[in-house]
Amino acid sequence: MPRQSSPQKSSPKKKASSSVHEMPRREETQPGALEEPEAPYPRQHQERPGIEAEMEPRPRYQAPRYRPAAKLQGKGALVTGGDSGIGRAVAVLYAKEGCDVAIVYLPQEERDAEETREAVEAEGRRCVLIPGDLTDPEFCREAVETAVEELGRLDILVNNAAFQQHQERPEDVTDEQWDQTFKTNIYGYFRMVKAALPHLKEGSAIINSGSITGLEGNKMLLDYSATKGAIHAFTKSLAQMLVERRIRVNCVSPGPVWTPLNVADKPAEQVAEHGQNTPMKRAAQPEEVAPAYVFFASEADSSYITGEVITLLGGETAAA
């Protein structure tokens, strides 16, 4: 995939930009349970990699009820897959907590990345855009160096980018698809860690995105499930390797989440039912998942926690 030669520099904004598009905000002081969109959703399908701006309903990432406490004040974070979905919500919550952010994304996702930058800057923090392909080892090194140069430091690495493609039979999974999935979902994580480690100091955190499929498997996602299981084991092994350096490594392993990844993979009729088989009868919104990434990044919250895989499954308990 093509890469743009260099990221754009940005300056923080004090006020929210009117071009940050999102569903109408709920009353922040409203008591009681949050009302999130429920399945069935409108039937829709997109070509890969999928654009969040074209989804209906729009995934929610602003977390209006979230109350920041300067937990990441003055830190710098690098989030892969940070243009949309979980990655975008994580970037925005990190900004709310006082953290500058760099996001990695595919060049085709520039539209979503610009919206993420606007949302981060609306919180008064910097957002550096780094377009490129994580299956390229050299780009992984370049992405980390760019983040460090632009942010001045690196304290948090969030490995979140993923490739997913459903297939009904093992025979339908080509070698090319297998390579694409593993090179994105686990090789990319490993290479980003290797590139980041020289810059991470005591108290730093590495957070990986796993999946329920890595715990239970999925008959339609043979390669994707295998990489997510590898990410869980990678997390635990890496945590053991880095504990004496006081760098914590943890994993967030969600069930179905309303993101472009699934809209670009599933047929329209299956997208409409995404998450309907959970006890909560819906997919999670990114803003519901992102606080777990704040928890693992914050020394105030999780200084004694490393090597953990936290599951966010909408009421499912079998794999928890």
C-alpha atoms as a PDB file:
ATOM      1  CA  MET A   1       0.000   0.000   0.000  1.00  0.00           C
ATOM      2  CA  PRO A   2       1.287   3.539  -0.707  1.00  0.00           C
ATOM      3  CA  ARG A   3       2.583   5.701   2.086  1.00  0.00           C
ATOM      4  CA  GLN A   4       2.533   9.428   2.334  1.00  0.00           C
ATOM      5  CA  SER A   5       6.015  10.783   2.733  1.00  0.00           C
ATOM      6  CA  SER A   6       5.585  12.748   5.934  1.00  0.00           C
ATOM      7  CA  PRO A   7       2.928  13.499   8.570  1.00  0.00           C
ATOM      8  CA  GLN A   8       1.433  16.937   8.908  1.00  0.00           C
ATOM      9  CA  LYS A   9       2.238  19.030  11.937  1.00  0.00           C
ATOM     10  CA  SER A  10      -0.620  20.426  13.939  1.00  0.00           C
ATOM     11  CA  SER A  11      -1.248  23.050  16.557  1.00  0.00           C
ATOM     12  CA  PRO A  12      -3.672  22.498  19.432  1.00  0.00           C
ATOM     13  CA  LYS A  13      -6.963  24.342  19.450  1.00  0.00           C
ATOM     14  CA  LYS A  14      -8.674  25.645  22.514  1.00  0.00           C
ATOM     15  CA  LYS A  15     -12.230  25.321  21.262  1.00  0.00           C
ATOM     16  CA  ALA A  16     -14.033  22.403  19.713  1.00  0.00           C
ATOM     17  CA  SER A  17     -14.030  22.552  15.940  1.00  0.00           C
ATOM     18  CA  SER A  18     -17.418  22.699  14.269  1.00  0.00           C
ATOM     19  CA  SER A  19     -16.210  20.160  11.706  1.00  0.00           C
ATOM     20  CA  VAL A  20     -15.915  17.377  14.278  1.00  0.00           C
ATOM     21  CA  HIS A  21     -18.883  15.271  13.198  1.00  0.00           C
ATOM     22  CA  GLU A  22     -20.732  13.100  15.650  1.00  0.00           C
ATOM     23  CA  MET A  23     -24.184  12.022  16.717  1.00  0.00           C
ATOM     24  CA  PRO A  24     -26.025  14.579  18.886  1.00  0.00           C
ATOM     25  CA  ARG A  25     -24.556  14.731  22.369  1.00  0.00           C
ATOM     26  CA  ARG A  26     -26.622  13.415  25.228  1.00  0.00           C
ATOM     27  CA  GLU A  27     -27.184  15.462  28.337  1.00  0.00           C
ATOM     28  CA  GLU A  28     -24.014  15.025  30.388  1.00  0.00           C
ATOM     29  CA  THR A  29     -25.843  15.277  33.690  1.00  0.00           C
ATOM     30  CA  GLN A  30     -28.658  12.903  32.792  1.00  0.00           C
ATOM     31  CA  PRO A  31     -28.903  10.133  35.416  1.00  0.00           C
ATOM     32  CA  GLY A  32     -29.577   6.482  34.698  1.00  0.00           C
ATOM     33  CA  ALA A  33     -28.334   4.038  32.068  1.00  0.00           C
ATOM     34  CA  LEU A  34     -26.788   5.279  28.842  1.00  0.00           C
ATOM     35  CA  GLU A  35     -28.919   4.821  25.753  1.00  0.00           C
ATOM     36  CA  GLU A  36     -26.691   3.409  23.025  1.00  0.00           C
ATOM     37  CA  PRO A  37     -27.733   2.370  19.498  1.00  0.00           C
ATOM     38  CA  GLU A  38     -29.069  -1.183  19.406  1.00  0.00           C
ATOM     39  CA  ALA A  39     -29.237  -3.847  16.723  1.00  0.00           C
ATOM     40  CA  PRO A  40     -30.653  -4.207  14.170  1.00  0.00           C
ATOM     41  CA  TYR A  41     -28.635  -1.439  12.542  1.00  0.00           C
ATOM     42  CA  PRO A  42     -29.227  -0.129   9.013  1.00  0.00           C
ATOM     43  CA  ARG A  43     -27.947  -2.546   6.386  1.00  0.00           C
ATOM     44  CA  GLN A  44     -24.656  -1.293   5.003  1.00  0.00           C
ATOM     45  CA  HIS A  45     -21.371  -2.475   3.567  1.00  0.00           C
ATOM     46  CA  GLN A  46     -18.173  -0.652   2.601  1.00  0.00           C
ATOM     47  CA  GLU A  47     -15.036  -1.523   0.714  1.00  0.00           C
ATOM     48  CA  ARG A  48     -11.963  -2.058   2.888  1.00  0.00           C
ATOM     49  CA  PRO A  49     -10.644  -0.497   5.012  1.00  0.00           C
ATOM     50  CA  GLY A  50     -13.977   1.205   5.764  1.00  0.00           C
ATOM     51  CA  ILE A  51     -14.637   4.841   6.626  1.00  0.00           C
ATOM     52  CA  GLU A  52     -16.259   5.736   9.937  1.00  0.00           C
ATOM     53  CA  ALA A  53     -17.638   8.985   8.509  1.00  0.00           C
ATOM     54  CA  GLU A  54     -19.891   6.925   6.207  1.00  0.00           C
ATOM     55  CA  MET A  55     -21.326   4.604   8.885  1.00  0.00           C
ATOM     56  CA  GLU A  56     -24.932   4.803  10.050  1.00  0.00           C
ATOM     57  CA  PRO A  57     -25.329   5.313  12.932  1.00  0.00           C
ATOM     58  CA  ARG A  58     -22.005   7.028  13.567  1.00  0.00           C
ATOM     59  CA  PRO A  59     -19.878   5.253  16.191  1.00  0.00           C
ATOM     60  CA  ARG A  60     -19.796   7.180  19.447  1.00  0.00           C
ATOM     61  CA  TYR A  61     -16.396   8.277  20.734  1.00  0.00           C
ATOM     62  CA  GLN A  62     -16.781  11.561  22.634  1.00  0.00           C
ATOM     63  CA  ALA A  63     -17.778   9.934  25.981  1.00  0.00           C
ATOM     64  CA  PRO A  64     -19.716  12.952  27.331  1.00  0.00           C
ATOM     65  CA  ARG A  65     -20.190  11.369  30.761  1.00  0.00           C
ATOM     66  CA  TYR A  66     -16.481  10.644  31.173  1.00  0.00           C
ATOM     67  CA  ARG A  67     -14.827  12.761  33.856  1.00  0.00           C
ATOM     68  CA  PRO A  68     -11.074  13.229  33.293  1.00  0.00           C
ATOM     69  CA  ALA A  69      -8.642  13.596  36.203  1.00  0.00           C
ATOM     70  CA  ALA A  70      -5.324  14.507  34.522  1.00  0.00           C
ATOM     71  CA  LYS A  71      -4.250  10.853  34.757  1.00  0.00           C
ATOM     72  CA  LEU A  72      -1.977  11.122  31.691  1.00  0.00           C
ATOM     73  CA  GLN A  73      -0.991  14.769  32.023  1.00  0.00           C
ATOM     74  CA  GLY A  74       2.103  15.681  30.011  1.00  0.00           C
ATOM     75  CA  LYS A  75       2.553  12.220  28.487  1.00  0.00           C
ATOM     76  CA  GLY A  76       2.832  11.168  24.864  1.00  0.00           C
ATOM     77  CA  ALA A  77       1.021   8.235  23.262  1.00  0.00           C
ATOM     78  CA  LEU A  78       1.203   6.439  19.922  1.00  0.00           C
ATOM     79  CA  VAL A  79      -2.013   4.694  18.833  1.00  0.00           C
ATOM     80  CA  THR A  80      -2.092   2.449  15.762  1.00  0.00           C
ATOM     81  CA  GLY A  81      -5.428   2.310  14.003  1.00  0.00           C
ATOM     82  CA  GLY A  82      -6.130   5.632  15.714  1.00  0.00           C
ATOM     83  CA  ASP A  83      -8.161   7.184  12.920  1.00  0.00           C
ATOM     84  CA  SER A  84     -11.446   5.469  13.780  1.00  0.00           C
ATOM     85  CA  GLY A  85     -13.251   2.969  15.983  1.00  0.00           C
ATOM     86  CA  ILE A  86     -11.626   2.030  19.272  1.00  0.00           C
ATOM     87  CA  GLY A  87      -8.387   3.795  18.337  1.00  0.00           C
ATOM     88  CA  ARG A  88     -10.146   7.129  17.819  1.00  0.00           C
ATOM     89  CA  ALA A  89     -12.023   6.860  21.116  1.00  0.00           C
ATOM     90  CA  VAL A  90      -8.774   6.016  22.916  1.00  0.00           C
ATOM     91  CA  ALA A  91      -7.004   9.009  21.359  1.00  0.00           C
ATOM     92  CA  VAL A  92      -9.805  11.350  22.441  1.00  0.00           C
ATOM     93  CA  LEU A  93      -9.929  10.039  26.020  1.00  0.00           C
ATOM     94  CA  TYR A  94      -6.143  10.238  26.284  1.00  0.00           C
ATOM     95  CA  ALA A  95      -6.387  13.862  25.186  1.00  0.00           C
ATOM     96  CA  LYS A  96      -9.035  14.505  27.827  1.00  0.00           C
ATOM     97  CA  GLU A  97      -6.545  13.142  30.376  1.00  0.00           C
ATOM     98  CA  GLY A  98      -3.844  15.578  29.245  1.00  0.00           C
ATOM     99  CA  CYS A  99      -1.920  13.386  26.800  1.00  0.00           C
ATOM    100  CA  ASP A 100      -0.574  14.363  23.368  1.00  0.00           C
ATOM    101  CA  VAL A 101      -1.233  11.696  20.752  1.00  0.00           C
ATOM    102  CA  ALA A 102       0.175  10.407  17.476  1.00  0.00           C
ATOM    103  CA  ILE A 103      -2.022   8.137  15.383  1.00  0.00           C
ATOM    104  CA  VAL A 104      -1.061   5.631  12.697  1.00  0.00           C
ATOM    105  CA  TYR A 105      -3.515   4.784   9.926  1.00  0.00           C
ATOM    106  CA  LEU A 106      -3.698   3.763   6.275  1.00  0.00           C
ATOM    107  CA  PRO A 107      -3.496   6.615   3.739  1.00  0.00           C
ATOM    108  CA  GLN A 108      -7.000   5.694   2.519  1.00  0.00           C
ATOM    109  CA  GLU A 109      -8.309   6.603   5.978  1.00  0.00           C
ATOM    110  CA  GLU A 110      -7.160  10.245   5.846  1.00  0.00           C
ATOM    111  CA  ARG A 111     -10.728  11.556   6.121  1.00  0.00           C
ATOM    112  CA  ASP A 112     -11.289   9.780   9.432  1.00  0.00           C
ATOM    113  CA  ALA A 113      -7.810  10.686  10.681  1.00  0.00           C
ATOM    114  CA  GLU A 114      -8.475  14.391  10.153  1.00  0.00           C
ATOM    115  CA  GLU A 115     -11.644  14.148  12.227  1.00  0.00           C
ATOM    116  CA  THR A 116      -9.737  12.397  14.996  1.00  0.00           C
ATOM    117  CA  ARG A 117      -7.128  15.149  14.950  1.00  0.00           C
ATOM    118  CA  GLU A 118      -9.844  17.790  15.269  1.00  0.00           C
ATOM    119  CA  ALA A 119     -11.405  15.934  18.197  1.00  0.00           C
ATOM    120  CA  VAL A 120      -8.062  15.624  20.007  1.00  0.00           C
ATOM    121  CA  GLU A 121      -7.182  19.258  19.385  1.00  0.00           C
ATOM    122  CA  ALA A 122     -10.605  20.269  20.672  1.00  0.00           C
ATOM    123  CA  GLU A 123      -9.392  18.910  24.033  1.00  0.00           C
ATOM    124  CA  GLY A 124      -6.358  21.185  23.862  1.00  0.00           C
ATOM    125  CA  ARG A 125      -3.779  18.512  22.989  1.00  0.00           C
ATOM    126  CA  ARG A 126      -1.594  17.778  19.964  1.00  0.00           C
ATOM    127  CA  CYS A 127      -2.432  15.073  17.447  1.00  0.00           C
ATOM    128  CA  VAL A 128       0.224  13.981  14.957  1.00  0.00           C
ATOM    129  CA  LEU A 129      -0.952  12.130  11.843  1.00  0.00           C
ATOM    130  CA  ILE A 130       1.284   9.303  10.593  1.00  0.00           C
ATOM    131  CA  PRO A 131      -0.134   7.571   7.489  1.00  0.00           C
ATOM    132  CA  GLY A 132       1.394   4.283   6.387  1.00  0.00           C
ATOM    133  CA  ASP A 133       1.230   0.495   6.293  1.00  0.00           C
ATOM    134  CA  LEU A 134       2.170  -1.462   9.431  1.00  0.00           C
ATOM    135  CA  THR A 135       2.988  -4.572   7.389  1.00  0.00           C
ATOM    136  CA  ASP A 136       6.131  -2.693   6.305  1.00  0.00           C
ATOM    137  CA  PRO A 137       8.886  -3.155   8.950  1.00  0.00           C
ATOM    138  CA  GLU A 138      10.621   0.079   7.984  1.00  0.00           C
ATOM    139  CA  PHE A 139       7.419   2.076   8.361  1.00  0.00           C
ATOM    140  CA  CYS A 140       6.973   0.724  11.910  1.00  0.00           C
ATOM    141  CA  ARG A 141      10.371   2.165  12.812  1.00  0.00           C
ATOM    142  CA  GLU A 142       9.629   5.424  11.027  1.00  0.00           C
ATOM    143  CA  ALA A 143       6.267   5.789  12.776  1.00  0.00           C
ATOM    144  CA  VAL A 144       7.817   5.528  16.228  1.00  0.00           C
ATOM    145  CA  GLU A 145      10.639   7.930  15.373  1.00  0.00           C
ATOM    146  CA  THR A 146       8.150  10.449  13.974  1.00  0.00           C
ATOM    147  CA  ALA A 147       5.986  10.220  17.079  1.00  0.00           C
ATOM    148  CA  VAL A 148       8.969  10.755  19.387  1.00  0.00           C
ATOM    149  CA  GLU A 149      10.288  13.653  17.300  1.00  0.00           C
ATOM    150  CA  GLU A 150       6.910  15.399  17.121  1.00  0.00           C
ATOM    151  CA  LEU A 151       5.695  14.745  20.673  1.00  0.00           C
ATOM    152  CA  GLY A 152       9.061  15.013  22.361  1.00  0.00           C
ATOM    153  CA  ARG A 153       8.524  11.788  24.297  1.00  0.00           C
ATOM    154  CA  LEU A 154       6.767   8.418  24.206  1.00  0.00           C
ATOM    155  CA  ASP A 155       5.141   6.964  27.312  1.00  0.00           C
ATOM    156  CA  ILE A 156       2.295   4.845  25.939  1.00  0.00           C
ATOM    157  CA  LEU A 157       2.111   2.502  22.958  1.00  0.00           C
ATOM    158  CA  VAL A 158      -1.335   1.265  21.944  1.00  0.00           C
ATOM    159  CA  ASN A 159      -1.211  -1.562  19.392  1.00  0.00           C
ATOM    160  CA  ASN A 160      -4.717  -1.513  17.957  1.00  0.00           C
ATOM    161  CA  ALA A 161      -4.626  -1.723  14.144  1.00  0.00           C
ATOM    162  CA  ALA A 162      -6.155  -4.880  12.685  1.00  0.00           C
ATOM    163  CA  PHE A 163      -7.069  -6.649   9.454  1.00  0.00           C
ATOM    164  CA  GLN A 164     -10.067  -8.991   9.328  1.00  0.00           C
ATOM    165  CA  GLN A 165     -11.662 -11.011   6.526  1.00  0.00           C
ATOM    166  CA  HIS A 166     -14.405 -13.626   6.967  1.00  0.00           C
ATOM    167  CA  GLN A 167     -14.144 -16.922   5.105  1.00  0.00           C
ATOM    168  CA  GLU A 168     -16.518 -19.892   5.333  1.00  0.00           C
ATOM    169  CA  ARG A 169     -13.946 -22.660   4.710  1.00  0.00           C
ATOM    170  CA  PRO A 170     -10.246 -23.105   5.496  1.00  0.00           C
ATOM    171  CA  GLU A 171      -9.689 -23.682   1.776  1.00  0.00           C
ATOM    172  CA  ASP A 172     -10.935 -20.149   1.098  1.00  0.00           C
ATOM    173  CA  VAL A 173      -8.209 -18.533   3.220  1.00  0.00           C
ATOM    174  CA  THR A 174      -5.434 -17.764   0.752  1.00  0.00           C
ATOM    175  CA  ASP A 175      -1.775 -17.532   1.669  1.00  0.00           C
ATOM    176  CA  GLU A 176      -1.997 -13.832   0.803  1.00  0.00           C
ATOM    177  CA  GLN A 177      -4.864 -13.282   3.236  1.00  0.00           C
ATOM    178  CA  TRP A 178      -3.109 -15.292   5.956  1.00  0.00           C
ATOM    179  CA  ASP A 179       0.042 -13.196   5.524  1.00  0.00           C
ATOM    180  CA  GLN A 180      -1.882  -9.915   5.485  1.00  0.00           C
ATOM    181  CA  THR A 181      -3.687 -10.803   8.720  1.00  0.00           C
ATOM    182  CA  PHE A 182      -0.590 -11.961  10.590  1.00  0.00           C
ATOM    183  CA  LYS A 183       1.661  -9.175   9.312  1.00  0.00           C
ATOM    184  CA  THR A 184      -0.867  -6.551  10.418  1.00  0.00           C
ATOM    185  CA  ASN A 185      -2.208  -8.066  13.629  1.00  0.00           C
ATOM    186  CA  ILE A 186       0.839  -9.645  15.268  1.00  0.00           C
ATOM    187  CA  TYR A 187       4.004  -8.855  13.265  1.00  0.00           C
ATOM    188  CA  GLY A 188       3.009  -5.198  13.375  1.00  0.00           C
ATOM    189  CA  TYR A 189       2.528  -5.305  17.146  1.00  0.00           C
ATOM    190  CA  PHE A 190       5.920  -6.950  17.650  1.00  0.00           C
ATOM    191  CA  ARG A 191       7.707  -4.494  15.381  1.00  0.00           C
ATOM    192  CA  MET A 192       6.077  -1.462  17.012  1.00  0.00           C
ATOM    193  CA  VAL A 193       7.168  -2.728  20.435  1.00  0.00           C
ATOM    194  CA  LYS A 194      10.758  -3.247  19.276  1.00  0.00           C
ATOM    195  CA  ALA A 195      10.863   0.241  17.807  1.00  0.00           C
ATOM    196  CA  ALA A 196       9.257   1.854  20.852  1.00  0.00           C
ATOM    197  CA  LEU A 197      11.263   0.189  23.633  1.00  0.00           C
ATOM    198  CA  PRO A 198      14.352   2.411  23.364  1.00  0.00           C
ATOM    199  CA  HIS A 199      12.087   5.389  24.109  1.00  0.00           C
ATOM    200  CA  LEU A 200       9.934   3.903  26.870  1.00  0.00           C
ATOM    201  CA  LYS A 201      11.023   4.631  30.422  1.00  0.00           C
ATOM    202  CA  GLU A 202       9.979   3.315  33.840  1.00  0.00           C
ATOM    203  CA  GLY A 203       6.258   3.834  34.302  1.00  0.00           C
ATOM    204  CA  SER A 204       5.514   3.490  30.590  1.00  0.00           C
ATOM    205  CA  ALA A 205       2.736   1.246  29.295  1.00  0.00           C
ATOM    206  CA  ILE A 206       2.093  -0.970  26.282  1.00  0.00           C
ATOM    207  CA  ILE A 207      -1.545  -1.832  25.604  1.00  0.00           C
ATOM    208  CA  ASN A 208      -2.598  -4.355  22.976  1.00  0.00           C
ATOM    209  CA  SER A 209      -6.035  -4.883  21.448  1.00  0.00           C
ATOM    210  CA  GLY A 210      -7.119  -8.508  21.638  1.00  0.00           C
ATOM    211  CA  SER A 211     -10.556  -9.996  20.943  1.00  0.00           C
ATOM    212  CA  ILE A 212     -13.127 -12.473  22.190  1.00  0.00           C
ATOM    213  CA  THR A 213     -12.236 -14.466  19.061  1.00  0.00           C
ATOM    214  CA  GLY A 214      -8.764 -15.054  20.500  1.00  0.00           C
ATOM    215  CA  LEU A 215     -10.341 -16.690  23.552  1.00  0.00           C
ATOM    216  CA  GLU A 216     -13.228 -18.635  22.025  1.00  0.00           C
ATOM    217  CA  GLY A 217     -12.278 -18.832  18.341  1.00  0.00           C
ATOM    218  CA  ASN A 218     -14.629 -18.048  15.458  1.00  0.00           C
ATOM    219  CA  LYS A 219     -15.450 -20.465  12.659  1.00  0.00           C
ATOM    220  CA  MET A 220     -15.556 -17.621  10.111  1.00  0.00           C
ATOM    221  CA  LEU A 221     -12.353 -15.912  11.270  1.00  0.00           C
ATOM    222  CA  LEU A 222      -9.680 -18.606  11.302  1.00  0.00           C
ATOM    223  CA  ASP A 223      -6.667 -16.357  10.693  1.00  0.00           C
ATOM    224  CA  TYR A 224      -7.969 -13.337  12.626  1.00  0.00           C
ATOM    225  CA  SER A 225      -8.800 -15.469  15.684  1.00  0.00           C
ATOM    226  CA  ALA A 226      -5.359 -17.059  15.551  1.00  0.00           C
ATOM    227  CA  THR A 227      -3.673 -13.649  15.606  1.00  0.00           C
ATOM    228  CA  LYS A 228      -5.822 -12.455  18.497  1.00  0.00           C
ATOM    229  CA  GLY A 229      -4.918 -15.546  20.512  1.00  0.00           C
ATOM    230  CA  ALA A 230      -1.294 -14.805  19.683  1.00  0.00           C
ATOM    231  CA  ILE A 231      -1.752 -11.219  20.928  1.00  0.00           C
ATOM    232  CA  HIS A 232      -3.023 -12.498  24.288  1.00  0.00           C
ATOM    233  CA  ALA A 233       0.019 -14.771  24.695  1.00  0.00           C
ATOM    234  CA  PHE A 234       2.314 -12.038  23.357  1.00  0.00           C
ATOM    235  CA  THR A 235       0.950  -9.678  26.024  1.00  0.00           C
ATOM    236  CA  LYS A 236       1.593 -12.078  28.886  1.00  0.00           C
ATOM    237  CA  SER A 237       5.065 -13.071  27.697  1.00  0.00           C
ATOM    238  CA  LEU A 238       6.127  -9.499  27.006  1.00  0.00           C
ATOM    239  CA  ALA A 239       4.861  -8.423  30.428  1.00  0.00           C
ATOM    240  CA  GLN A 240       7.153 -11.004  32.027  1.00  0.00           C
ATOM    241  CA  MET A 241      10.091  -9.759  29.951  1.00  0.00           C
ATOM    242  CA  LEU A 242       9.566  -6.088  30.834  1.00  0.00           C
ATOM    243  CA  VAL A 243       8.409  -6.211  34.446  1.00  0.00           C
ATOM    244  CA  GLU A 244      11.906  -5.550  35.781  1.00  0.00           C
ATOM    245  CA  ARG A 245      12.127  -2.494  33.536  1.00  0.00           C
ATOM    246  CA  ARG A 246       8.874  -1.296  35.156  1.00  0.00           C
ATOM    247  CA  ILE A 247       7.109  -1.151  31.791  1.00  0.00           C
ATOM    248  CA  ARG A 248       3.621  -2.592  32.117  1.00  0.00           C
ATOM    249  CA  VAL A 249       2.016  -4.611  29.288  1.00  0.00           C
ATOM    250  CA  ASN A 250      -1.713  -5.371  29.212  1.00  0.00           C
ATOM    251  CA  CYS A 251      -4.446  -6.250  26.741  1.00  0.00           C
ATOM    252  CA  VAL A 252      -8.037  -5.139  26.186  1.00  0.00           C
ATOM    253  CA  SER A 253     -10.085  -7.946  24.643  1.00  0.00           C
ATOM    254  CA  PRO A 254     -13.556  -6.797  23.571  1.00  0.00           C
ATOM    255  CA  GLY A 255     -16.491  -8.537  22.011  1.00  0.00           C
ATOM    256  CA  PRO A 256     -18.348  -6.937  19.086  1.00  0.00           C
ATOM    257  CA  VAL A 257     -17.766  -3.179  18.741  1.00  0.00           C
ATOM    258  CA  TRP A 258     -19.434  -0.803  16.270  1.00  0.00           C
ATOM    259  CA  THR A 259     -16.434   0.106  14.057  1.00  0.00           C
ATOM    260  CA  PRO A 260     -15.555   0.286  10.331  1.00  0.00           C
ATOM    261  CA  LEU A 261     -13.647  -3.010  10.601  1.00  0.00           C
ATOM    262  CA  ASN A 262     -16.875  -4.999  10.617  1.00  0.00           C
ATOM    263  CA  VAL A 263     -18.805  -2.838   8.151  1.00  0.00           C
ATOM    264  CA  ALA A 264     -15.991  -3.408   5.655  1.00  0.00           C
ATOM    265  CA  ASP A 265     -15.878  -7.172   6.237  1.00  0.00           C
ATOM    266  CA  LYS A 266     -19.400  -8.489   6.719  1.00  0.00           C
ATOM    267  CA  PRO A 267     -22.297  -8.587   4.242  1.00  0.00           C
ATOM    268  CA  ALA A 268     -24.877  -5.863   4.818  1.00  0.00           C
ATOM    269  CA  GLU A 269     -27.421  -8.202   6.398  1.00  0.00           C
ATOM    270  CA  GLN A 270     -24.848  -9.425   8.947  1.00  0.00           C
ATOM    271  CA  VAL A 271     -23.759  -5.879   9.736  1.00  0.00           C
ATOM    272  CA  ALA A 272     -27.350  -5.114  10.663  1.00  0.00           C
ATOM    273  CA  GLU A 273     -27.193  -7.848  13.330  1.00  0.00           C
ATOM    274  CA  HIS A 274     -23.700  -7.046  14.634  1.00  0.00           C
ATOM    275  CA  GLY A 275     -23.586  -7.681  18.381  1.00  0.00           C
ATOM    276  CA  GLN A 276     -27.168  -8.889  18.571  1.00  0.00           C
ATOM    277  CA  ASN A 277     -26.117 -12.245  20.039  1.00  0.00           C
ATOM    278  CA  THR A 278     -24.586 -10.675  23.176  1.00  0.00           C
ATOM    279  CA  PRO A 279     -26.622 -10.584  26.408  1.00  0.00           C
ATOM    280  CA  MET A 280     -26.940  -6.802  25.924  1.00  0.00           C
ATOM    281  CA  LYS A 281     -28.288  -7.410  22.389  1.00  0.00           C
ATOM    282  CA  ARG A 282     -25.976  -4.839  20.781  1.00  0.00           C
ATOM    283  CA  ALA A 283     -22.408  -4.033  19.884  1.00  0.00           C
ATOM    284  CA  ALA A 284     -20.332  -1.850  22.181  1.00  0.00           C
ATOM    285  CA  GLN A 285     -19.701   1.748  21.218  1.00  0.00           C
ATOM    286  CA  PRO A 286     -16.016   2.759  21.084  1.00  0.00           C
ATOM    287  CA  GLU A 287     -16.551   5.225  23.942  1.00  0.00           C
ATOM    288  CA  GLU A 288     -17.567   2.299  26.164  1.00  0.00           C
ATOM    289  CA  VAL A 289     -14.331   0.411  25.464  1.00  0.00           C
ATOM    290  CA  ALA A 290     -11.813   3.269  25.558  1.00  0.00           C
ATOM    291  CA  PRO A 291     -11.829   3.817  29.365  1.00  0.00           C
ATOM    292  CA  ALA A 292     -10.142   0.416  29.777  1.00  0.00           C
ATOM    293  CA  TYR A 293      -7.206   1.771  27.776  1.00  0.00           C
ATOM    294  CA  VAL A 294      -7.025   4.792  30.084  1.00  0.00           C
ATOM    295  CA  PHE A 295      -7.028   2.438  33.072  1.00  0.00           C
ATOM    296  CA  PHE A 296      -4.087   0.423  31.743  1.00  0.00           C
ATOM    297  CA  ALA A 297      -2.163   3.561  30.703  1.00  0.00           C
ATOM    298  CA  SER A 298      -2.567   5.290  34.074  1.00  0.00           C
ATOM    299  CA  GLU A 299      -0.035   4.588  36.799  1.00  0.00           C
ATOM    300  CA  ALA A 300      -2.549   5.975  39.300  1.00  0.00           C
ATOM    301  CA  ASP A 301      -5.011   3.216  38.365  1.00  0.00           C
ATOM    302  CA  SER A 302      -2.970   0.175  37.370  1.00  0.00           C
ATOM    303  CA  SER A 303       0.610   0.480  38.629  1.00  0.00           C
ATOM    304  CA  TYR A 304       0.434  -3.083  40.051  1.00  0.00           C
ATOM    305  CA  ILE A 305      -1.185  -4.613  36.970  1.00  0.00           C
ATOM    306  CA  THR A 306       0.750  -6.181  34.108  1.00  0.00           C
ATOM    307  CA  GLY A 307       0.232  -9.221  31.899  1.00  0.00           C
ATOM    308  CA  GLU A 308      -3.554  -8.997  32.175  1.00  0.00           C
ATOM    309  CA  VAL A 309      -6.210  -9.522  29.500  1.00  0.00           C
ATOM    310  CA  ILE A 310      -9.430  -7.695  30.363  1.00  0.00           C
ATOM    311  CA  THR A 311     -12.581  -8.801  28.536  1.00  0.00           C
ATOM    312  CA  LEU A 312     -15.412  -6.422  27.609  1.00  0.00           C
ATOM    313  CA  LEU A 313     -18.142  -8.698  26.343  1.00  0.00           C
ATOM    314  CA  GLY A 314     -21.535  -7.085  26.905  1.00  0.00           C
ATOM    315  CA  GLY A 315     -22.592  -9.528  29.581  1.00  0.00           C
ATOM    316  CA  GLU A 316     -21.016 -12.704  28.163  1.00  0.00           C
ATOM    317  CA  THR A 317     -19.217 -14.571  30.944  1.00  0.00           C
ATOM    318  CA  ALA A 318     -18.023 -17.832  29.367  1.00  0.00           C
ATOM    319  CA  ALA A 319     -14.686 -16.429  28.189  1.00  0.00           C
ATOM    320  CA  ALA A 320     -14.171 -13.861  30.931  1.00  0.00           C
END
